[in-house]
Each structure stands twice: as C-alpha cells, then as structure tokens.
Amino acid sequence: MPKLLGNEILGENIKRIRLSCGLTQEQTVARLQVLGSPISRSTYSLIEMGRGNLFVSDLVGLKTVFNVSYDEFFVGIQPSRGSKSQM
C-alpha cells in the first residue's frame, strides 16, 4: 500500500481539521479502525507531528471521518520541497 511522506504542514492541517471536528486523537483513530485501518493512536500522533508517514488509504479514511475535501489536507503546502510558507 502506498504511503505519503509526512511533513509538518500536513500534520498541522490534519490536527487543525480534527480539532475543528471536535474529535480527540483517540476518537479519530477509533473511527479509522471501524473503517478498517489498523492505525494506532501513537502512529496517528506521529502523523500529526509531521514525523510519521501516512498510508494513502488512511488519508481516504480521514477524509471520510472529517467529511472534508482533500484540498483541506494540503493547505499551505508548496509544490517545491522544503518550503513552509503559506499560500
């Protein structure tokens, strides 16, 4: 299964979306697990910190759990590597 390489901005966006949905990490992980993901809370935490990689299927699951467009996950991510400036 393909993975997305995590980074700080992606992690920050995931956290921002989760908080705007009023969910804890534990609740988010539980909903992902109901959808079939074997993700743990510790792995999810690393993703939010920008230190963990994300399975593409888990991104699809997060889109479902959070009921947002994919664009929301990529806000502020520049097409060039290493840039952290906001769009």
PDB file of N, CA and C in Angstrom:
ATOM      1  N   MET A   1       0.848  -1.180   0.000  1.00  0.00           N
ATOM      2  CA  MET A   1       0.000   0.000   0.000  1.00  0.00           C
ATOM      3  C   MET A   1       0.887   1.234   0.000  1.00  0.00           C
ATOM      4  N   PRO A   2       0.624   2.185  -0.906  1.00  0.00           N
ATOM      5  CA  PRO A   2       1.438   3.399  -0.984  1.00  0.00           C
ATOM      6  C   PRO A   2       1.270   4.298   0.239  1.00  0.00           C
ATOM      7  N   LYS A   3       2.356   5.034   0.542  1.00  0.00           N
ATOM      8  CA  LYS A   3       2.347   5.978   1.661  1.00  0.00           C
ATOM      9  C   LYS A   3       2.658   7.376   1.153  1.00  0.00           C
ATOM     10  N   LEU A   4       2.128   8.352   1.867  1.00  0.00           N
ATOM     11  CA  LEU A   4       2.519   9.743   1.671  1.00  0.00           C
ATOM     12  C   LEU A   4       3.590  10.052   2.700  1.00  0.00           C
ATOM     13  N   LEU A   5       4.647  10.705   2.283  1.00  0.00           N
ATOM     14  CA  LEU A   5       5.659  11.120   3.244  1.00  0.00           C
ATOM     15  C   LEU A   5       5.105  12.302   4.027  1.00  0.00           C
ATOM     16  N   GLY A   6       5.051  12.162   5.322  1.00  0.00           N
ATOM     17  CA  GLY A   6       4.508  13.209   6.159  1.00  0.00           C
ATOM     18  C   GLY A   6       5.422  14.413   6.243  1.00  0.00           C
ATOM     19  N   ASN A   7       4.840  15.551   6.557  1.00  0.00           N
ATOM     20  CA  ASN A   7       5.618  16.746   6.865  1.00  0.00           C
ATOM     21  C   ASN A   7       4.839  17.577   7.870  1.00  0.00           C
ATOM     22  N   GLU A   8       5.472  18.605   8.390  1.00  0.00           N
ATOM     23  CA  GLU A   8       4.862  19.401   9.452  1.00  0.00           C
ATOM     24  C   GLU A   8       3.547  20.038   9.028  1.00  0.00           C
ATOM     25  N   ILE A   9       3.494  20.582   7.831  1.00  0.00           N
ATOM     26  CA  ILE A   9       2.281  21.279   7.400  1.00  0.00           C
ATOM     27  C   ILE A   9       1.123  20.291   7.248  1.00  0.00           C
ATOM     28  N   LEU A  10       1.367  19.139   6.640  1.00  0.00           N
ATOM     29  CA  LEU A  10       0.314  18.129   6.514  1.00  0.00           C
ATOM     30  C   LEU A  10      -0.180  17.730   7.902  1.00  0.00           C
ATOM     31  N   GLY A  11       0.744  17.497   8.816  1.00  0.00           N
ATOM     32  CA  GLY A  11       0.370  17.129  10.177  1.00  0.00           C
ATOM     33  C   GLY A  11      -0.432  18.218  10.867  1.00  0.00           C
ATOM     34  N   GLU A  12       0.005  19.465  10.699  1.00  0.00           N
ATOM     35  CA  GLU A  12      -0.720  20.592  11.292  1.00  0.00           C
ATOM     36  C   GLU A  12      -2.123  20.706  10.711  1.00  0.00           C
ATOM     37  N   ASN A  13      -2.251  20.477   9.400  1.00  0.00           N
ATOM     38  CA  ASN A  13      -3.561  20.537   8.760  1.00  0.00           C
ATOM     39  C   ASN A  13      -4.478  19.438   9.279  1.00  0.00           C
ATOM     40  N   ILE A  14      -3.944  18.239   9.426  1.00  0.00           N
ATOM     41  CA  ILE A  14      -4.746  17.134   9.948  1.00  0.00           C
ATOM     42  C   ILE A  14      -5.212  17.448  11.368  1.00  0.00           C
ATOM     43  N   LYS A  15      -4.312  17.971  12.181  1.00  0.00           N
ATOM     44  CA  LYS A  15      -4.673  18.324  13.554  1.00  0.00           C
ATOM     45  C   LYS A  15      -5.732  19.426  13.571  1.00  0.00           C
ATOM     46  N   ARG A  16      -5.541  20.449  12.744  1.00  0.00           N
ATOM     47  CA  ARG A  16      -6.495  21.559  12.675  1.00  0.00           C
ATOM     48  C   ARG A  16      -7.888  21.057  12.295  1.00  0.00           C
ATOM     49  N   ILE A  17      -7.935  20.181  11.297  1.00  0.00           N
ATOM     50  CA  ILE A  17      -9.217  19.638  10.851  1.00  0.00           C
ATOM     51  C   ILE A  17      -9.846  18.804  11.963  1.00  0.00           C
ATOM     52  N   ARG A  18      -9.041  17.965  12.605  1.00  0.00           N
ATOM     53  CA  ARG A  18      -9.556  17.109  13.691  1.00  0.00           C
ATOM     54  C   ARG A  18     -10.156  17.968  14.799  1.00  0.00           C
ATOM     55  N   LEU A  19      -9.421  19.004  15.210  1.00  0.00           N
ATOM     56  CA  LEU A  19      -9.907  19.871  16.280  1.00  0.00           C
ATOM     57  C   LEU A  19     -11.178  20.608  15.868  1.00  0.00           C
ATOM     58  N   SER A  20     -11.248  21.025  14.600  1.00  0.00           N
ATOM     59  CA  SER A  20     -12.455  21.725  14.136  1.00  0.00           C
ATOM     60  C   SER A  20     -13.670  20.791  14.123  1.00  0.00           C
ATOM     61  N   CYS A  21     -13.413  19.484  14.056  1.00  0.00           N
ATOM     62  CA  CYS A  21     -14.492  18.486  14.119  1.00  0.00           C
ATOM     63  C   CYS A  21     -14.838  18.114  15.558  1.00  0.00           C
ATOM     64  N   GLY A  22     -14.051  18.633  16.507  1.00  0.00           N
ATOM     65  CA  GLY A  22     -14.299  18.347  17.919  1.00  0.00           C
ATOM     66  C   GLY A  22     -13.941  16.936  18.337  1.00  0.00           C
ATOM     67  N   LEU A  23     -12.964  16.344  17.657  1.00  0.00           N
ATOM     68  CA  LEU A  23     -12.560  14.965  17.947  1.00  0.00           C
ATOM     69  C   LEU A  23     -11.214  14.921  18.650  1.00  0.00           C
ATOM     70  N   THR A  24     -11.050  13.945  19.517  1.00  0.00           N
ATOM     71  CA  THR A  24      -9.746  13.661  20.104  1.00  0.00           C
ATOM     72  C   THR A  24      -8.987  12.741  19.147  1.00  0.00           C
ATOM     73  N   GLN A  25      -7.697  12.563  19.410  1.00  0.00           N
ATOM     74  CA  GLN A  25      -6.939  11.594  18.613  1.00  0.00           C
ATOM     75  C   GLN A  25      -7.527  10.205  18.789  1.00  0.00           C
ATOM     76  N   GLU A  26      -7.901   9.857  20.012  1.00  0.00           N
ATOM     77  CA  GLU A  26      -8.453   8.528  20.279  1.00  0.00           C
ATOM     78  C   GLU A  26      -9.749   8.297  19.507  1.00  0.00           C
ATOM     79  N   GLN A  27     -10.617   9.304  19.468  1.00  0.00           N
ATOM     80  CA  GLN A  27     -11.873   9.173  18.729  1.00  0.00           C
ATOM     81  C   GLN A  27     -11.618   9.040  17.231  1.00  0.00           C
ATOM     82  N   THR A  28     -10.667   9.816  16.731  1.00  0.00           N
ATOM     83  CA  THR A  28     -10.324   9.759  15.309  1.00  0.00           C
ATOM     84  C   THR A  28      -9.796   8.385  14.942  1.00  0.00           C
ATOM     85  N   VAL A  29      -8.871   7.873  15.744  1.00  0.00           N
ATOM     86  CA  VAL A  29      -8.298   6.552  15.494  1.00  0.00           C
ATOM     87  C   VAL A  29      -9.381   5.472  15.567  1.00  0.00           C
ATOM     88  N   ALA A  30     -10.283   5.575  16.544  1.00  0.00           N
ATOM     89  CA  ALA A  30     -11.365   4.592  16.667  1.00  0.00           C
ATOM     90  C   ALA A  30     -12.235   4.588  15.418  1.00  0.00           C
ATOM     91  N   ARG A  31     -12.524   5.753  14.879  1.00  0.00           N
ATOM     92  CA  ARG A  31     -13.344   5.830  13.656  1.00  0.00           C
ATOM     93  C   ARG A  31     -12.585   5.267  12.453  1.00  0.00           C
ATOM     94  N   LEU A  32     -11.284   5.532  12.393  1.00  0.00           N
ATOM     95  CA  LEU A  32     -10.476   4.944  11.316  1.00  0.00           C
ATOM     96  C   LEU A  32     -10.458   3.424  11.426  1.00  0.00           C
ATOM     97  N   GLN A  33     -10.359   2.922  12.636  1.00  0.00           N
ATOM     98  CA  GLN A  33     -10.334   1.476  12.840  1.00  0.00           C
ATOM     99  C   GLN A  33     -11.653   0.830  12.434  1.00  0.00           C
ATOM    100  N   VAL A  34     -12.767   1.507  12.684  1.00  0.00           N
ATOM    101  CA  VAL A  34     -14.070   1.000  12.239  1.00  0.00           C
ATOM    102  C   VAL A  34     -14.104   0.898  10.714  1.00  0.00           C
ATOM    103  N   LEU A  35     -13.403   1.810  10.044  1.00  0.00           N
ATOM    104  CA  LEU A  35     -13.327   1.787   8.583  1.00  0.00           C
ATOM    105  C   LEU A  35     -12.334   0.742   8.066  1.00  0.00           C
ATOM    106  N   GLY A  36     -11.614   0.084   8.976  1.00  0.00           N
ATOM    107  CA  GLY A  36     -10.703  -0.981   8.571  1.00  0.00           C
ATOM    108  C   GLY A  36      -9.227  -0.680   8.696  1.00  0.00           C
ATOM    109  N   SER A  37      -8.873   0.500   9.186  1.00  0.00           N
ATOM    110  CA  SER A  37      -7.465   0.846   9.337  1.00  0.00           C
ATOM    111  C   SER A  37      -6.902   0.236  10.623  1.00  0.00           C
ATOM    112  N   PRO A  38      -5.694  -0.317  10.563  1.00  0.00           N
ATOM    113  CA  PRO A  38      -5.063  -0.835  11.777  1.00  0.00           C
ATOM    114  C   PRO A  38      -4.238   0.224  12.520  1.00  0.00           C
ATOM    115  N   ILE A  39      -4.408   1.493  12.190  1.00  0.00           N
ATOM    116  CA  ILE A  39      -3.595   2.572  12.770  1.00  0.00           C
ATOM    117  C   ILE A  39      -3.758   2.631  14.291  1.00  0.00           C
ATOM    118  N   SER A  40      -2.662   2.938  14.974  1.00  0.00           N
ATOM    119  CA  SER A  40      -2.694   3.107  16.433  1.00  0.00           C
ATOM    120  C   SER A  40      -2.685   4.601  16.756  1.00  0.00           C
ATOM    121  N   ARG A  41      -3.020   4.942  18.000  1.00  0.00           N
ATOM    122  CA  ARG A  41      -3.011   6.340  18.400  1.00  0.00           C
ATOM    123  C   ARG A  41      -1.599   6.897  18.361  1.00  0.00           C
ATOM    124  N   SER A  42      -0.611   6.095  18.727  1.00  0.00           N
ATOM    125  CA  SER A  42       0.770   6.588  18.709  1.00  0.00           C
ATOM    126  C   SER A  42       1.235   6.881  17.279  1.00  0.00           C
ATOM    127  N   THR A  43       0.860   6.053  16.336  1.00  0.00           N
ATOM    128  CA  THR A  43       1.195   6.299  14.932  1.00  0.00           C
ATOM    129  C   THR A  43       0.484   7.549  14.435  1.00  0.00           C
ATOM    130  N   TYR A  44      -0.798   7.664  14.797  1.00  0.00           N
ATOM    131  CA  TYR A  44      -1.561   8.840  14.386  1.00  0.00           C
ATOM    132  C   TYR A  44      -0.930  10.114  14.962  1.00  0.00           C
ATOM    133  N   SER A  45      -0.497  10.057  16.202  1.00  0.00           N
ATOM    134  CA  SER A  45       0.135  11.199  16.847  1.00  0.00           C
ATOM    135  C   SER A  45       1.387  11.635  16.080  1.00  0.00           C
ATOM    136  N   LEU A  46       2.184  10.662  15.649  1.00  0.00           N
ATOM    137  CA  LEU A  46       3.387  10.981  14.863  1.00  0.00           C
ATOM    138  C   LEU A  46       3.025  11.677  13.557  1.00  0.00           C
ATOM    139  N   ILE A  47       1.924  11.257  12.942  1.00  0.00           N
ATOM    140  CA  ILE A  47       1.476  11.884  11.691  1.00  0.00           C
ATOM    141  C   ILE A  47       1.130  13.348  11.943  1.00  0.00           C
ATOM    142  N   GLU A  48       0.385  13.615  13.016  1.00  0.00           N
ATOM    143  CA  GLU A  48       0.021  14.995  13.337  1.00  0.00           C
ATOM    144  C   GLU A  48       1.246  15.851  13.656  1.00  0.00           C
ATOM    145  N   MET A  49       2.289  15.245  14.191  1.00  0.00           N
ATOM    146  CA  MET A  49       3.513  15.993  14.491  1.00  0.00           C
ATOM    147  C   MET A  49       4.397  16.160  13.260  1.00  0.00           C
ATOM    148  N   GLY A  50       4.007  15.560  12.140  1.00  0.00           N
ATOM    149  CA  GLY A  50       4.794  15.652  10.917  1.00  0.00           C
ATOM    150  C   GLY A  50       5.983  14.722  10.905  1.00  0.00           C
ATOM    151  N   ARG A  51       5.984  13.734  11.798  1.00  0.00           N
ATOM    152  CA  ARG A  51       7.119  12.813  11.912  1.00  0.00           C
ATOM    153  C   ARG A  51       6.778  11.399  11.453  1.00  0.00           C
ATOM    154  N   GLY A  52       5.546  11.192  11.012  1.00  0.00           N
ATOM    155  CA  GLY A  52       5.136   9.864  10.567  1.00  0.00           C
ATOM    156  C   GLY A  52       4.580   9.912   9.160  1.00  0.00           C
ATOM    157  N   ASN A  53       4.705   8.811   8.461  1.00  0.00           N
ATOM    158  CA  ASN A  53       4.156   8.713   7.116  1.00  0.00           C
ATOM    159  C   ASN A  53       2.738   8.174   7.198  1.00  0.00           C
ATOM    160  N   LEU A  54       1.949   8.515   6.196  1.00  0.00           N
ATOM    161  CA  LEU A  54       0.531   8.227   6.190  1.00  0.00           C
ATOM    162  C   LEU A  54       0.196   7.325   5.012  1.00  0.00           C
ATOM    163  N   PHE A  55      -0.465   6.208   5.286  1.00  0.00           N
ATOM    164  CA  PHE A  55      -0.943   5.371   4.197  1.00  0.00           C
ATOM    165  C   PHE A  55      -2.010   6.140   3.426  1.00  0.00           C
ATOM    166  N   VAL A  56      -2.001   6.022   2.121  1.00  0.00           N
ATOM    167  CA  VAL A  56      -2.993   6.690   1.288  1.00  0.00           C
ATOM    168  C   VAL A  56      -4.403   6.271   1.722  1.00  0.00           C
ATOM    169  N   SER A  57      -4.575   5.006   2.050  1.00  0.00           N
ATOM    170  CA  SER A  57      -5.895   4.531   2.493  1.00  0.00           C
ATOM    171  C   SER A  57      -6.329   5.217   3.789  1.00  0.00           C
ATOM    172  N   ASP A  58      -5.384   5.568   4.660  1.00  0.00           N
ATOM    173  CA  ASP A  58      -5.732   6.291   5.878  1.00  0.00           C
ATOM    174  C   ASP A  58      -6.129   7.737   5.578  1.00  0.00           C
ATOM    175  N   LEU A  59      -5.522   8.344   4.553  1.00  0.00           N
ATOM    176  CA  LEU A  59      -5.942   9.680   4.150  1.00  0.00           C
ATOM    177  C   LEU A  59      -7.382   9.632   3.634  1.00  0.00           C
ATOM    178  N   VAL A  60      -7.696   8.603   2.878  1.00  0.00           N
ATOM    179  CA  VAL A  60      -9.078   8.421   2.405  1.00  0.00           C
ATOM    180  C   VAL A  60     -10.007   8.272   3.611  1.00  0.00           C
ATOM    181  N   GLY A  61      -9.569   7.504   4.608  1.00  0.00           N
ATOM    182  CA  GLY A  61     -10.356   7.336   5.824  1.00  0.00           C
ATOM    183  C   GLY A  61     -10.535   8.643   6.576  1.00  0.00           C
ATOM    184  N   LEU A  62      -9.472   9.435   6.677  1.00  0.00           N
ATOM    185  CA  LEU A  62      -9.572  10.727   7.359  1.00  0.00           C
ATOM    186  C   LEU A  62     -10.529  11.664   6.629  1.00  0.00           C
ATOM    187  N   LYS A  63     -10.518  11.618   5.306  1.00  0.00           N
ATOM    188  CA  LYS A  63     -11.458  12.427   4.526  1.00  0.00           C
ATOM    189  C   LYS A  63     -12.883  12.048   4.893  1.00  0.00           C
ATOM    190  N   THR A  64     -13.138  10.764   5.043  1.00  0.00           N
ATOM    191  CA  THR A  64     -14.462  10.276   5.416  1.00  0.00           C
ATOM    192  C   THR A  64     -14.816  10.677   6.846  1.00  0.00           C
ATOM    193  N   VAL A  65     -13.893  10.450   7.767  1.00  0.00           N
ATOM    194  CA  VAL A  65     -14.132  10.767   9.186  1.00  0.00           C
ATOM    195  C   VAL A  65     -14.386  12.255   9.372  1.00  0.00           C
ATOM    196  N   PHE A  66     -13.595  13.095   8.731  1.00  0.00           N
ATOM    197  CA  PHE A  66     -13.697  14.535   8.919  1.00  0.00           C
ATOM    198  C   PHE A  66     -14.714  15.194   7.980  1.00  0.00           C
ATOM    199  N   ASN A  67     -15.128  14.471   6.935  1.00  0.00           N
ATOM    200  CA  ASN A  67     -16.084  14.991   5.953  1.00  0.00           C
ATOM    201  C   ASN A  67     -15.594  16.309   5.345  1.00  0.00           C
ATOM    202  N   VAL A  68     -14.361  16.279   4.831  1.00  0.00           N
ATOM    203  CA  VAL A  68     -13.746  17.443   4.191  1.00  0.00           C
ATOM    204  C   VAL A  68     -13.228  17.041   2.816  1.00  0.00           C
ATOM    205  N   SER A  69     -12.869  18.045   2.016  1.00  0.00           N
ATOM    206  CA  SER A  69     -12.257  17.765   0.719  1.00  0.00           C
ATOM    207  C   SER A  69     -10.761  17.481   0.923  1.00  0.00           C
ATOM    208  N   TYR A  70     -10.164  16.828  -0.041  1.00  0.00           N
ATOM    209  CA  TYR A  70      -8.727  16.563   0.037  1.00  0.00           C
ATOM    210  C   TYR A  70      -7.922  17.856   0.100  1.00  0.00           C
ATOM    211  N   ASP A  71      -8.434  18.911  -0.520  1.00  0.00           N
ATOM    212  CA  ASP A  71      -7.731  20.194  -0.513  1.00  0.00           C
ATOM    213  C   ASP A  71      -7.406  20.653   0.901  1.00  0.00           C
ATOM    214  N   GLU A  72      -8.281  20.382   1.850  1.00  0.00           N
ATOM    215  CA  GLU A  72      -8.074  20.819   3.234  1.00  0.00           C
ATOM    216  C   GLU A  72      -6.786  20.251   3.833  1.00  0.00           C
ATOM    217  N   PHE A  73      -6.400  19.049   3.420  1.00  0.00           N
ATOM    218  CA  PHE A  73      -5.195  18.420   3.958  1.00  0.00           C
ATOM    219  C   PHE A  73      -3.917  19.082   3.446  1.00  0.00           C
ATOM    220  N   PHE A  74      -4.015  19.746   2.295  1.00  0.00           N
ATOM    221  CA  PHE A  74      -2.818  20.258   1.633  1.00  0.00           C
ATOM    222  C   PHE A  74      -2.704  21.778   1.646  1.00  0.00           C
ATOM    223  N   VAL A  75      -3.525  22.452   2.438  1.00  0.00           N
ATOM    224  CA  VAL A  75      -3.460  23.914   2.545  1.00  0.00           C
ATOM    225  C   VAL A  75      -2.069  24.322   3.014  1.00  0.00           C
ATOM    226  N   GLY A  76      -1.458  25.246   2.279  1.00  0.00           N
ATOM    227  CA  GLY A  76      -0.163  25.790   2.670  1.00  0.00           C
ATOM    228  C   GLY A  76       1.039  24.973   2.244  1.00  0.00           C
ATOM    229  N   ILE A  77       0.824  23.859   1.566  1.00  0.00           N
ATOM    230  CA  ILE A  77       1.955  23.040   1.110  1.00  0.00           C
ATOM    231  C   ILE A  77       2.333  23.484  -0.293  1.00  0.00           C
ATOM    232  N   GLN A  78       3.574  23.912  -0.423  1.00  0.00           N
ATOM    233  CA  GLN A  78       4.097  24.396  -1.692  1.00  0.00           C
ATOM    234  C   GLN A  78       4.546  23.217  -2.569  1.00  0.00           C
ATOM    235  N   PRO A  79       4.549  23.404  -3.887  1.00  0.00           N
ATOM    236  CA  PRO A  79       4.983  22.324  -4.775  1.00  0.00           C
ATOM    237  C   PRO A  79       6.472  22.008  -4.692  1.00  0.00           C
ATOM    238  N   SER A  80       7.268  22.934  -4.131  1.00  0.00           N
ATOM    239  CA  SER A  80       8.694  22.658  -4.004  1.00  0.00           C
ATOM    240  C   SER A  80       8.978  22.091  -2.626  1.00  0.00           C
ATOM    241  N   ARG A  81       9.955  21.218  -2.517  1.00  0.00           N
ATOM    242  CA  ARG A  81      10.302  20.585  -1.247  1.00  0.00           C
ATOM    243  C   ARG A  81      10.982  21.587  -0.329  1.00  0.00           C
ATOM    244  N   GLY A  82      10.695  21.446   0.965  1.00  0.00           N
ATOM    245  CA  GLY A  82      11.377  22.235   1.965  1.00  0.00           C
ATOM    246  C   GLY A  82      10.777  23.590   2.248  1.00  0.00           C
ATOM    247  N   SER A  83       9.819  24.040   1.465  1.00  0.00           N
ATOM    248  CA  SER A  83       9.213  25.351   1.696  1.00  0.00           C
ATOM    249  C   SER A  83       8.047  25.216   2.652  1.00  0.00           C
ATOM    250  N   LYS A  84       8.027  26.066   3.688  1.00  0.00           N
ATOM    251  CA  LYS A  84       6.958  26.026   4.672  1.00  0.00           C
ATOM    252  C   LYS A  84       6.087  27.277   4.607  1.00  0.00           C
ATOM    253  N   SER A  85       6.250  28.096   3.602  1.00  0.00           N
ATOM    254  CA  SER A  85       5.452  29.318   3.528  1.00  0.00           C
ATOM    255  C   SER A  85       3.999  28.986   3.204  1.00  0.00           C
ATOM    256  N   GLN A  86       3.113  29.833   3.644  1.00  0.00           N
ATOM    257  CA  GLN A  86       1.671  29.651   3.436  1.00  0.00           C
ATOM    258  C   GLN A  86       1.273  30.201   2.085  1.00  0.00           C
ATOM    259  N   MET A  87       0.268  29.570   1.482  1.00  0.00           N
ATOM    260  CA  MET A  87      -0.279  30.055   0.216  1.00  0.00           C
ATOM    261  C   MET A  87      -1.262  31.160   0.489  1.00  0.00           C
TER     262      MET A  87
END
